[in-house]
Structure formats: structure tokens, C-alpha cells
Full PDB file with SEQRES, HELIX, SHEET, SSBOND, CRYST1, ORIGX, SCALE, CONECT and MASTER records, all heavy atoms in Angstrom:
SEQRES   1 A   36  ALA LEU THR SER ILE ILE LEU PRO TYR ASP GLU SER PHE          
SEQRES   2 A   36  ILE GLY LEU THR ARG ALA ASP ILE LEU GLN VAL ASN PRO          
SEQRES   3 A   36  LEU ILE LEU ALA PHE MET SER HIS ASP ARG                      
HELIX    1 AA1 PRO A    8  ILE A   14  1                                   7    
HELIX    2 AA2 ARG A   18  VAL A   24  1                                   7    
HELIX    3 AA3 PRO A   26  ASP A   35  1                                  10    
CRYST1    1.000    1.000    1.000  90.00  90.00  90.00 P 1           1          
ORIGX1      1.000000  0.000000  0.000000        0.00000                         
ORIGX2      0.000000  1.000000  0.000000        0.00000                         
ORIGX3      0.000000  0.000000  1.000000        0.00000                         
SCALE1      1.000000  0.000000  0.000000        0.00000                         
SCALE2      0.000000  1.000000  0.000000        0.00000                         
SCALE3      0.000000  0.000000  1.000000        0.00000                         
ATOM      1  N   ALA A   1       0.816  -1.253  -0.028  1.00  0.00           N  
ATOM      2  CA  ALA A   1       0.005   0.020   0.012  1.00  0.00           C  
ATOM      3  C   ALA A   1       0.854   1.262   0.034  1.00  0.00           C  
ATOM      4  O   ALA A   1       0.457   2.302  -0.526  1.00  0.00           O  
ATOM      5  CB  ALA A   1      -0.903   0.003   1.182  1.00  0.00           C  
ATOM      6  N   LEU A   2       2.081   1.131   0.524  1.00  0.00           N  
ATOM      7  CA  LEU A   2       2.894   2.295   0.605  1.00  0.00           C  
ATOM      8  C   LEU A   2       3.815   2.423  -0.619  1.00  0.00           C  
ATOM      9  O   LEU A   2       4.406   3.487  -0.889  1.00  0.00           O  
ATOM     10  CB  LEU A   2       3.855   2.161   1.811  1.00  0.00           C  
ATOM     11  CG  LEU A   2       3.264   2.436   3.173  1.00  0.00           C  
ATOM     12  CD1 LEU A   2       4.205   2.128   4.263  1.00  0.00           C  
ATOM     13  CD2 LEU A   2       2.725   3.912   3.361  1.00  0.00           C  
ATOM     14  N   THR A   3       3.893   1.379  -1.453  1.00  0.00           N  
ATOM     15  CA  THR A   3       4.748   1.446  -2.654  1.00  0.00           C  
ATOM     16  C   THR A   3       3.946   1.412  -3.893  1.00  0.00           C  
ATOM     17  O   THR A   3       3.573   2.432  -4.371  1.00  0.00           O  
ATOM     18  CB  THR A   3       5.829   0.234  -2.546  1.00  0.00           C  
ATOM     19  OG1 THR A   3       5.030  -0.977  -2.362  1.00  0.00           O  
ATOM     20  CG2 THR A   3       6.696   0.425  -1.397  1.00  0.00           C  
ATOM     21  N   SER A   4       3.739   0.267  -4.479  1.00  0.00           N  
ATOM     22  CA  SER A   4       3.042   0.185  -5.787  1.00  0.00           C  
ATOM     23  C   SER A   4       1.563   0.384  -5.705  1.00  0.00           C  
ATOM     24  O   SER A   4       0.943   0.740  -6.668  1.00  0.00           O  
ATOM     25  CB  SER A   4       3.274  -1.224  -6.384  1.00  0.00           C  
ATOM     26  OG  SER A   4       2.727  -2.165  -5.562  1.00  0.00           O  
ATOM     27  N   ILE A   5       0.962   0.235  -4.570  1.00  0.00           N  
ATOM     28  CA  ILE A   5      -0.451   0.374  -4.301  1.00  0.00           C  
ATOM     29  C   ILE A   5      -1.319  -0.675  -4.984  1.00  0.00           C  
ATOM     30  O   ILE A   5      -2.007  -1.473  -4.239  1.00  0.00           O  
ATOM     31  CB  ILE A   5      -0.990   1.769  -4.728  1.00  0.00           C  
ATOM     32  CG1 ILE A   5      -0.233   2.880  -4.021  1.00  0.00           C  
ATOM     33  CG2 ILE A   5      -2.499   1.801  -4.404  1.00  0.00           C  
ATOM     34  CD1 ILE A   5      -0.620   4.206  -4.408  1.00  0.00           C  
ATOM     35  N   ILE A   6      -1.217  -0.747  -6.298  1.00  0.00           N  
ATOM     36  CA  ILE A   6      -1.957  -1.881  -6.966  1.00  0.00           C  
ATOM     37  C   ILE A   6      -0.874  -2.877  -7.509  1.00  0.00           C  
ATOM     38  O   ILE A   6       0.215  -2.532  -7.868  1.00  0.00           O  
ATOM     39  CB  ILE A   6      -2.766  -1.317  -8.160  1.00  0.00           C  
ATOM     40  CG1 ILE A   6      -1.920  -0.624  -9.185  1.00  0.00           C  
ATOM     41  CG2 ILE A   6      -3.891  -0.508  -7.615  1.00  0.00           C  
ATOM     42  CD1 ILE A   6      -2.800  -0.154 -10.453  1.00  0.00           C  
ATOM     43  N   LEU A   7      -1.319  -4.139  -7.626  1.00  0.00           N  
ATOM     44  CA  LEU A   7      -0.435  -5.200  -8.014  1.00  0.00           C  
ATOM     45  C   LEU A   7      -0.733  -5.658  -9.457  1.00  0.00           C  
ATOM     46  O   LEU A   7      -1.737  -5.204 -10.063  1.00  0.00           O  
ATOM     47  CB  LEU A   7      -0.637  -6.390  -7.128  1.00  0.00           C  
ATOM     48  CG  LEU A   7      -0.238  -6.094  -5.619  1.00  0.00           C  
ATOM     49  CD1 LEU A   7      -0.674  -7.266  -4.729  1.00  0.00           C  
ATOM     50  CD2 LEU A   7       1.244  -5.819  -5.564  1.00  0.00           C  
ATOM     51  N   PRO A   8       0.168  -6.456 -10.102  1.00  0.00           N  
ATOM     52  CA  PRO A   8      -0.013  -6.760 -11.513  1.00  0.00           C  
ATOM     53  C   PRO A   8      -1.414  -7.399 -11.871  1.00  0.00           C  
ATOM     54  O   PRO A   8      -1.986  -7.073 -12.889  1.00  0.00           O  
ATOM     55  CB  PRO A   8       1.064  -7.783 -11.710  1.00  0.00           C  
ATOM     56  CG  PRO A   8       2.155  -7.384 -10.801  1.00  0.00           C  
ATOM     57  CD  PRO A   8       1.431  -6.934  -9.563  1.00  0.00           C  
ATOM     58  N   TYR A   9      -1.980  -8.189 -10.954  1.00  0.00           N  
ATOM     59  CA  TYR A   9      -3.248  -8.805 -11.217  1.00  0.00           C  
ATOM     60  C   TYR A   9      -4.386  -7.715 -11.188  1.00  0.00           C  
ATOM     61  O   TYR A   9      -5.397  -7.880 -11.783  1.00  0.00           O  
ATOM     62  CB  TYR A   9      -3.582 -10.028 -10.373  1.00  0.00           C  
ATOM     63  CG  TYR A   9      -3.567  -9.775  -8.858  1.00  0.00           C  
ATOM     64  CD1 TYR A   9      -4.702  -9.214  -8.252  1.00  0.00           C  
ATOM     65  CD2 TYR A   9      -2.504 -10.102  -8.085  1.00  0.00           C  
ATOM     66  CE1 TYR A   9      -4.657  -8.959  -6.871  1.00  0.00           C  
ATOM     67  CE2 TYR A   9      -2.465  -9.878  -6.744  1.00  0.00           C  
ATOM     68  CZ  TYR A   9      -3.614  -9.364  -6.175  1.00  0.00           C  
ATOM     69  OH  TYR A   9      -3.581  -9.139  -4.746  1.00  0.00           O  
ATOM     70  N   ASP A  10      -4.214  -6.650 -10.287  1.00  0.00           N  
ATOM     71  CA  ASP A  10      -5.112  -5.520 -10.322  1.00  0.00           C  
ATOM     72  C   ASP A  10      -5.089  -4.827 -11.698  1.00  0.00           C  
ATOM     73  O   ASP A  10      -6.105  -4.587 -12.264  1.00  0.00           O  
ATOM     74  CB  ASP A  10      -4.721  -4.555  -9.195  1.00  0.00           C  
ATOM     75  CG  ASP A  10      -4.891  -5.095  -7.806  1.00  0.00           C  
ATOM     76  OD1 ASP A  10      -5.912  -5.827  -7.640  1.00  0.00           O  
ATOM     77  OD2 ASP A  10      -4.111  -4.820  -6.939  1.00  0.00           O  
ATOM     78  N   GLU A  11      -3.886  -4.596 -12.157  1.00  0.00           N  
ATOM     79  CA  GLU A  11      -3.677  -3.846 -13.511  1.00  0.00           C  
ATOM     80  C   GLU A  11      -4.310  -4.731 -14.575  1.00  0.00           C  
ATOM     81  O   GLU A  11      -4.951  -4.159 -15.537  1.00  0.00           O  
ATOM     82  CB  GLU A  11      -2.170  -3.687 -13.716  1.00  0.00           C  
ATOM     83  CG  GLU A  11      -1.544  -2.728 -12.776  1.00  0.00           C  
ATOM     84  CD  GLU A  11      -0.078  -2.591 -13.046  1.00  0.00           C  
ATOM     85  OE1 GLU A  11       0.565  -3.524 -13.490  1.00  0.00           O  
ATOM     86  OE2 GLU A  11       0.503  -1.464 -12.792  1.00  0.00           O  
ATOM     87  N   SER A  12      -4.112  -6.087 -14.491  1.00  0.00           N  
ATOM     88  CA  SER A  12      -4.652  -6.893 -15.543  1.00  0.00           C  
ATOM     89  C   SER A  12      -6.204  -6.821 -15.495  1.00  0.00           C  
ATOM     90  O   SER A  12      -6.800  -6.804 -16.653  1.00  0.00           O  
ATOM     91  CB  SER A  12      -4.252  -8.337 -15.360  1.00  0.00           C  
ATOM     92  OG  SER A  12      -4.784  -9.191 -16.251  1.00  0.00           O  
ATOM     93  N   PHE A  13      -6.881  -6.814 -14.370  1.00  0.00           N  
ATOM     94  CA  PHE A  13      -8.264  -6.788 -14.283  1.00  0.00           C  
ATOM     95  C   PHE A  13      -8.805  -5.445 -14.753  1.00  0.00           C  
ATOM     96  O   PHE A  13      -9.770  -5.465 -15.525  1.00  0.00           O  
ATOM     97  CB  PHE A  13      -8.665  -7.118 -12.830  1.00  0.00           C  
ATOM     98  CG  PHE A  13     -10.224  -7.120 -12.717  1.00  0.00           C  
ATOM     99  CD1 PHE A  13     -10.973  -8.179 -13.088  1.00  0.00           C  
ATOM    100  CD2 PHE A  13     -10.846  -6.033 -12.150  1.00  0.00           C  
ATOM    101  CE1 PHE A  13     -12.399  -8.252 -12.939  1.00  0.00           C  
ATOM    102  CE2 PHE A  13     -12.281  -6.048 -11.994  1.00  0.00           C  
ATOM    103  CZ  PHE A  13     -13.016  -7.140 -12.383  1.00  0.00           C  
ATOM    104  N   ILE A  14      -8.101  -4.379 -14.353  1.00  0.00           N  
ATOM    105  CA  ILE A  14      -8.621  -3.084 -14.713  1.00  0.00           C  
ATOM    106  C   ILE A  14      -8.363  -2.775 -16.138  1.00  0.00           C  
ATOM    107  O   ILE A  14      -9.221  -2.049 -16.786  1.00  0.00           O  
ATOM    108  CB  ILE A  14      -7.944  -1.947 -13.817  1.00  0.00           C  
ATOM    109  CG1 ILE A  14      -8.310  -2.116 -12.301  1.00  0.00           C  
ATOM    110  CG2 ILE A  14      -8.271  -0.585 -14.235  1.00  0.00           C  
ATOM    111  CD1 ILE A  14      -7.509  -1.296 -11.363  1.00  0.00           C  
ATOM    112  N   GLY A  15      -7.299  -3.303 -16.693  1.00  0.00           N  
ATOM    113  CA  GLY A  15      -6.944  -3.030 -18.096  1.00  0.00           C  
ATOM    114  C   GLY A  15      -6.048  -1.832 -18.262  1.00  0.00           C  
ATOM    115  O   GLY A  15      -5.858  -1.359 -19.338  1.00  0.00           O  
ATOM    116  N   LEU A  16      -5.632  -1.329 -17.202  1.00  0.00           N  
ATOM    117  CA  LEU A  16      -4.699  -0.169 -17.092  1.00  0.00           C  
ATOM    118  C   LEU A  16      -3.502  -0.387 -16.241  1.00  0.00           C  
ATOM    119  O   LEU A  16      -3.621  -1.052 -15.218  1.00  0.00           O  
ATOM    120  CB  LEU A  16      -5.448   1.067 -16.653  1.00  0.00           C  
ATOM    121  CG  LEU A  16      -6.648   1.604 -17.544  1.00  0.00           C  
ATOM    122  CD1 LEU A  16      -7.403   2.687 -16.805  1.00  0.00           C  
ATOM    123  CD2 LEU A  16      -6.174   2.070 -18.862  1.00  0.00           C  
ATOM    124  N   THR A  17      -2.369   0.114 -16.659  1.00  0.00           N  
ATOM    125  CA  THR A  17      -1.190   0.032 -15.643  1.00  0.00           C  
ATOM    126  C   THR A  17      -1.253   1.146 -14.677  1.00  0.00           C  
ATOM    127  O   THR A  17      -2.082   2.083 -14.777  1.00  0.00           O  
ATOM    128  CB  THR A  17       0.075   0.162 -16.445  1.00  0.00           C  
ATOM    129  OG1 THR A  17       0.232   1.418 -17.092  1.00  0.00           O  
ATOM    130  CG2 THR A  17       0.145  -0.906 -17.580  1.00  0.00           C  
ATOM    131  N   ARG A  18      -0.331   1.058 -13.692  1.00  0.00           N  
ATOM    132  CA  ARG A  18      -0.274   2.064 -12.687  1.00  0.00           C  
ATOM    133  C   ARG A  18       0.072   3.428 -13.276  1.00  0.00           C  
ATOM    134  O   ARG A  18      -0.607   4.459 -12.957  1.00  0.00           O  
ATOM    135  CB  ARG A  18       0.826   1.756 -11.694  1.00  0.00           C  
ATOM    136  CG  ARG A  18       1.030   2.657 -10.492  1.00  0.00           C  
ATOM    137  CD  ARG A  18       2.041   2.081  -9.488  1.00  0.00           C  
ATOM    138  NE  ARG A  18       2.170   2.930  -8.343  1.00  0.00           N  
ATOM    139  CZ  ARG A  18       2.902   3.985  -8.214  1.00  0.00           C  
ATOM    140  NH1 ARG A  18       3.621   4.394  -9.285  1.00  0.00           N  
ATOM    141  NH2 ARG A  18       3.014   4.659  -7.119  1.00  0.00           N  
ATOM    142  N   ALA A  19       0.928   3.425 -14.298  1.00  0.00           N  
ATOM    143  CA  ALA A  19       1.310   4.648 -14.960  1.00  0.00           C  
ATOM    144  C   ALA A  19       0.076   5.222 -15.762  1.00  0.00           C  
ATOM    145  O   ALA A  19      -0.049   6.493 -15.830  1.00  0.00           O  
ATOM    146  CB  ALA A  19       2.467   4.375 -15.954  1.00  0.00           C  
ATOM    147  N   ASP A  20      -0.656   4.389 -16.364  1.00  0.00           N  
ATOM    148  CA  ASP A  20      -1.855   4.838 -17.065  1.00  0.00           C  
ATOM    149  C   ASP A  20      -2.849   5.619 -16.133  1.00  0.00           C  
ATOM    150  O   ASP A  20      -3.370   6.637 -16.507  1.00  0.00           O  
ATOM    151  CB  ASP A  20      -2.597   3.699 -17.763  1.00  0.00           C  
ATOM    152  CG  ASP A  20      -1.751   3.021 -18.880  1.00  0.00           C  
ATOM    153  OD1 ASP A  20      -0.956   3.722 -19.374  1.00  0.00           O  
ATOM    154  OD2 ASP A  20      -2.002   1.833 -19.176  1.00  0.00           O  
ATOM    155  N   ILE A  21      -3.062   4.973 -14.962  1.00  0.00           N  
ATOM    156  CA  ILE A  21      -3.995   5.594 -14.048  1.00  0.00           C  
ATOM    157  C   ILE A  21      -3.431   6.885 -13.549  1.00  0.00           C  
ATOM    158  O   ILE A  21      -4.179   7.911 -13.382  1.00  0.00           O  
ATOM    159  CB  ILE A  21      -4.241   4.628 -12.878  1.00  0.00           C  
ATOM    160  CG1 ILE A  21      -4.906   3.338 -13.314  1.00  0.00           C  
ATOM    161  CG2 ILE A  21      -5.142   5.299 -11.784  1.00  0.00           C  
ATOM    162  CD1 ILE A  21      -5.083   2.226 -12.312  1.00  0.00           C  
ATOM    163  N   LEU A  22      -2.168   6.978 -13.295  1.00  0.00           N  
ATOM    164  CA  LEU A  22      -1.513   8.205 -12.826  1.00  0.00           C  
ATOM    165  C   LEU A  22      -1.703   9.379 -13.928  1.00  0.00           C  
ATOM    166  O   LEU A  22      -1.892  10.451 -13.566  1.00  0.00           O  
ATOM    167  CB  LEU A  22      -0.014   8.052 -12.492  1.00  0.00           C  
ATOM    168  CG  LEU A  22       0.229   7.274 -11.148  1.00  0.00           C  
ATOM    169  CD1 LEU A  22       1.796   6.998 -11.062  1.00  0.00           C  
ATOM    170  CD2 LEU A  22      -0.187   8.132  -9.996  1.00  0.00           C  
ATOM    171  N   GLN A  23      -1.553   8.914 -15.162  1.00  0.00           N  
ATOM    172  CA  GLN A  23      -1.704   9.945 -16.149  1.00  0.00           C  
ATOM    173  C   GLN A  23      -3.122  10.471 -16.337  1.00  0.00           C  
ATOM    174  O   GLN A  23      -3.327  11.632 -16.611  1.00  0.00           O  
ATOM    175  CB  GLN A  23      -1.299   9.262 -17.468  1.00  0.00           C  
ATOM    176  CG  GLN A  23      -1.142  10.217 -18.625  1.00  0.00           C  
ATOM    177  CD  GLN A  23      -0.526   9.539 -19.827  1.00  0.00           C  
ATOM    178  OE1 GLN A  23      -0.327   8.412 -19.952  1.00  0.00           O  
ATOM    179  NE2 GLN A  23      -0.145  10.414 -20.858  1.00  0.00           N  
ATOM    180  N   VAL A  24      -4.124   9.591 -16.000  1.00  0.00           N  
ATOM    181  CA  VAL A  24      -5.490  10.043 -16.136  1.00  0.00           C  
ATOM    182  C   VAL A  24      -5.844  10.958 -14.931  1.00  0.00           C  
ATOM    183  O   VAL A  24      -6.382  12.021 -15.168  1.00  0.00           O  
ATOM    184  CB  VAL A  24      -6.424   8.788 -16.271  1.00  0.00           C  
ATOM    185  CG1 VAL A  24      -7.875   9.330 -16.121  1.00  0.00           C  
ATOM    186  CG2 VAL A  24      -6.153   7.982 -17.458  1.00  0.00           C  
ATOM    187  N   ASN A  25      -5.638  10.436 -13.790  1.00  0.00           N  
ATOM    188  CA  ASN A  25      -5.913  11.255 -12.531  1.00  0.00           C  
ATOM    189  C   ASN A  25      -5.129  10.564 -11.433  1.00  0.00           C  
ATOM    190  O   ASN A  25      -5.517   9.507 -10.888  1.00  0.00           O  
ATOM    191  CB  ASN A  25      -7.429  11.102 -12.188  1.00  0.00           C  
ATOM    192  CG  ASN A  25      -7.814  11.991 -10.964  1.00  0.00           C  
ATOM    193  OD1 ASN A  25      -6.939  12.484 -10.346  1.00  0.00           O  
ATOM    194  ND2 ASN A  25      -9.090  12.046 -10.807  1.00  0.00           N  
ATOM    195  N   PRO A  26      -4.036  11.328 -10.930  1.00  0.00           N  
ATOM    196  CA  PRO A  26      -3.261  10.742  -9.843  1.00  0.00           C  
ATOM    197  C   PRO A  26      -4.080  10.472  -8.538  1.00  0.00           C  
ATOM    198  O   PRO A  26      -3.620   9.653  -7.676  1.00  0.00           O  
ATOM    199  CB  PRO A  26      -2.188  11.876  -9.589  1.00  0.00           C  
ATOM    200  CG  PRO A  26      -2.216  12.663 -10.836  1.00  0.00           C  
ATOM    201  CD  PRO A  26      -3.567  12.557 -11.466  1.00  0.00           C  
ATOM    202  N   LEU A  27      -5.204  11.200  -8.375  1.00  0.00           N  
ATOM    203  CA  LEU A  27      -5.966  11.071  -7.117  1.00  0.00           C  
ATOM    204  C   LEU A  27      -6.634   9.716  -7.108  1.00  0.00           C  
ATOM    205  O   LEU A  27      -7.055   9.257  -5.922  1.00  0.00           O  
ATOM    206  CB  LEU A  27      -7.016  12.135  -7.088  1.00  0.00           C  
ATOM    207  CG  LEU A  27      -6.537  13.585  -6.969  1.00  0.00           C  
ATOM    208  CD1 LEU A  27      -7.627  14.641  -6.942  1.00  0.00           C  
ATOM    209  CD2 LEU A  27      -5.669  13.677  -5.608  1.00  0.00           C  
ATOM    210  N   ILE A  28      -6.762   9.055  -8.210  1.00  0.00           N  
ATOM    211  CA  ILE A  28      -7.441   7.643  -8.170  1.00  0.00           C  
ATOM    212  C   ILE A  28      -6.564   6.730  -7.319  1.00  0.00           C  
ATOM    213  O   ILE A  28      -6.988   5.999  -6.488  1.00  0.00           O  
ATOM    214  CB  ILE A  28      -7.718   7.168  -9.601  1.00  0.00           C  
ATOM    215  CG1 ILE A  28      -8.728   7.991 -10.332  1.00  0.00           C  
ATOM    216  CG2 ILE A  28      -8.150   5.682  -9.526  1.00  0.00           C  
ATOM    217  CD1 ILE A  28      -8.866   7.617 -11.770  1.00  0.00           C  
ATOM    218  N   LEU A  29      -5.241   6.685  -7.614  1.00  0.00           N  
ATOM    219  CA  LEU A  29      -4.333   5.831  -6.913  1.00  0.00           C  
ATOM    220  C   LEU A  29      -4.282   6.195  -5.401  1.00  0.00           C  
ATOM    221  O   LEU A  29      -4.141   5.394  -4.551  1.00  0.00           O  
ATOM    222  CB  LEU A  29      -2.984   5.837  -7.540  1.00  0.00           C  
ATOM    223  CG  LEU A  29      -2.760   4.847  -8.710  1.00  0.00           C  
ATOM    224  CD1 LEU A  29      -1.350   4.934  -9.229  1.00  0.00           C  
ATOM    225  CD2 LEU A  29      -3.114   3.393  -8.333  1.00  0.00           C  
ATOM    226  N   ALA A  30      -4.261   7.506  -5.194  1.00  0.00           N  
ATOM    227  CA  ALA A  30      -4.130   8.059  -3.828  1.00  0.00           C  
ATOM    228  C   ALA A  30      -5.447   7.596  -3.052  1.00  0.00           C  
ATOM    229  O   ALA A  30      -5.331   7.164  -1.903  1.00  0.00           O  
ATOM    230  CB  ALA A  30      -4.121   9.551  -3.799  1.00  0.00           C  
ATOM    231  N   PHE A  31      -6.555   7.668  -3.706  1.00  0.00           N  
ATOM    232  CA  PHE A  31      -7.791   7.182  -3.063  1.00  0.00           C  
ATOM    233  C   PHE A  31      -7.768   5.696  -2.750  1.00  0.00           C  
ATOM    234  O   PHE A  31      -8.144   5.237  -1.702  1.00  0.00           O  
ATOM    235  CB  PHE A  31      -8.964   7.461  -4.001  1.00  0.00           C  
ATOM    236  CG  PHE A  31     -10.289   7.181  -3.351  1.00  0.00           C  
ATOM    237  CD1 PHE A  31     -10.908   8.036  -2.483  1.00  0.00           C  
ATOM    238  CD2 PHE A  31     -10.960   5.975  -3.775  1.00  0.00           C  
ATOM    239  CE1 PHE A  31     -12.135   7.684  -1.901  1.00  0.00           C  
ATOM    240  CE2 PHE A  31     -12.233   5.635  -3.175  1.00  0.00           C  
ATOM    241  CZ  PHE A  31     -12.818   6.536  -2.245  1.00  0.00           C  
ATOM    242  N   MET A  32      -7.312   4.874  -3.752  1.00  0.00           N  
ATOM    243  CA  MET A  32      -7.129   3.454  -3.551  1.00  0.00           C  
ATOM    244  C   MET A  32      -6.167   3.127  -2.403  1.00  0.00           C  
ATOM    245  O   MET A  32      -6.362   2.195  -1.635  1.00  0.00           O  
ATOM    246  CB  MET A  32      -6.738   2.771  -4.863  1.00  0.00           C  
ATOM    247  CG  MET A  32      -7.832   2.901  -5.920  1.00  0.00           C  
ATOM    248  SD  MET A  32      -7.246   2.086  -7.448  1.00  0.00           S  
ATOM    249  CE  MET A  32      -7.317   0.377  -7.040  1.00  0.00           C  
ATOM    250  N   SER A  33      -5.148   3.964  -2.350  1.00  0.00           N  
ATOM    251  CA  SER A  33      -4.096   3.794  -1.300  1.00  0.00           C  
ATOM    252  C   SER A  33      -4.711   4.007   0.087  1.00  0.00           C  
ATOM    253  O   SER A  33      -4.448   3.198   0.968  1.00  0.00           O  
ATOM    254  CB  SER A  33      -2.995   4.780  -1.488  1.00  0.00           C  
ATOM    255  OG  SER A  33      -2.065   4.764  -0.368  1.00  0.00           O  
ATOM    256  N   HIS A  34      -5.576   4.967   0.213  1.00  0.00           N  
ATOM    257  CA  HIS A  34      -6.125   5.320   1.532  1.00  0.00           C  
ATOM    258  C   HIS A  34      -7.038   4.110   2.028  1.00  0.00           C  
ATOM    259  O   HIS A  34      -7.073   3.785   3.225  1.00  0.00           O  
ATOM    260  CB  HIS A  34      -6.793   6.638   1.507  1.00  0.00           C  
ATOM    261  CG  HIS A  34      -8.348   6.593   1.636  1.00  0.00           C  
ATOM    262  ND1 HIS A  34      -9.143   6.216   0.562  1.00  0.00           N  
ATOM    263  CD2 HIS A  34      -9.112   6.917   2.658  1.00  0.00           C  
ATOM    264  CE1 HIS A  34     -10.386   6.388   0.971  1.00  0.00           C  
ATOM    265  NE2 HIS A  34     -10.469   6.804   2.247  1.00  0.00           N  
ATOM    266  N   ASP A  35      -7.772   3.442   1.144  1.00  0.00           N  
ATOM    267  CA  ASP A  35      -8.545   2.300   1.575  1.00  0.00           C  
ATOM    268  C   ASP A  35      -7.690   1.111   1.927  1.00  0.00           C  
ATOM    269  O   ASP A  35      -7.952   0.439   2.895  1.00  0.00           O  
ATOM    270  CB  ASP A  35      -9.506   1.888   0.354  1.00  0.00           C  
ATOM    271  CG  ASP A  35     -10.841   2.621   0.405  1.00  0.00           C  
ATOM    272  OD1 ASP A  35     -11.150   3.209   1.492  1.00  0.00           O  
ATOM    273  OD2 ASP A  35     -11.598   2.544  -0.586  1.00  0.00           O  
ATOM    274  N   ARG A  36      -6.614   0.925   1.178  1.00  0.00           N  
ATOM    275  CA  ARG A  36      -5.709  -0.195   1.420  1.00  0.00           C  
ATOM    276  C   ARG A  36      -4.931  -0.006   2.657  1.00  0.00           C  
ATOM    277  O   ARG A  36      -4.650  -0.940   3.381  1.00  0.00           O  
ATOM    278  CB  ARG A  36      -4.860  -0.521   0.144  1.00  0.00           C  
ATOM    279  CG  ARG A  36      -5.804  -0.984  -1.016  1.00  0.00           C  
ATOM    280  CD  ARG A  36      -5.045  -1.494  -2.177  1.00  0.00           C  
ATOM    281  NE  ARG A  36      -5.972  -2.107  -3.173  1.00  0.00           N  
ATOM    282  CZ  ARG A  36      -5.596  -2.880  -4.196  1.00  0.00           C  
ATOM    283  NH1 ARG A  36      -4.341  -3.199  -4.374  1.00  0.00           N  
ATOM    284  NH2 ARG A  36      -6.564  -3.304  -4.984  1.00  0.00           N  
TER     285      ARG A  36                                                      
MASTER        0    0    0    3    0    0    0    6  284    1    0    3          
END                                                                             
């Protein structure tokens, strides 16, 4: 939760990589981080 936040199988299910999500809206990963 403090490093990658989402794991490869998360990326595979979502269809987006961590970098893709950061490019769209960095707050999405921050929000997911706070739940995790």
C-alpha cells in the first residue's frame, strides 16, 4: 500500500497500468491507497 499500491493482477483486471492511471488522474491511486 505504501509502494506500488496496486499489483499486476489488479492492473490486468482493470486493463490499465499504474502509470496509465496516474496519467488520467493521480488522485485515483491516492484514493485506492487510503482504503488499502
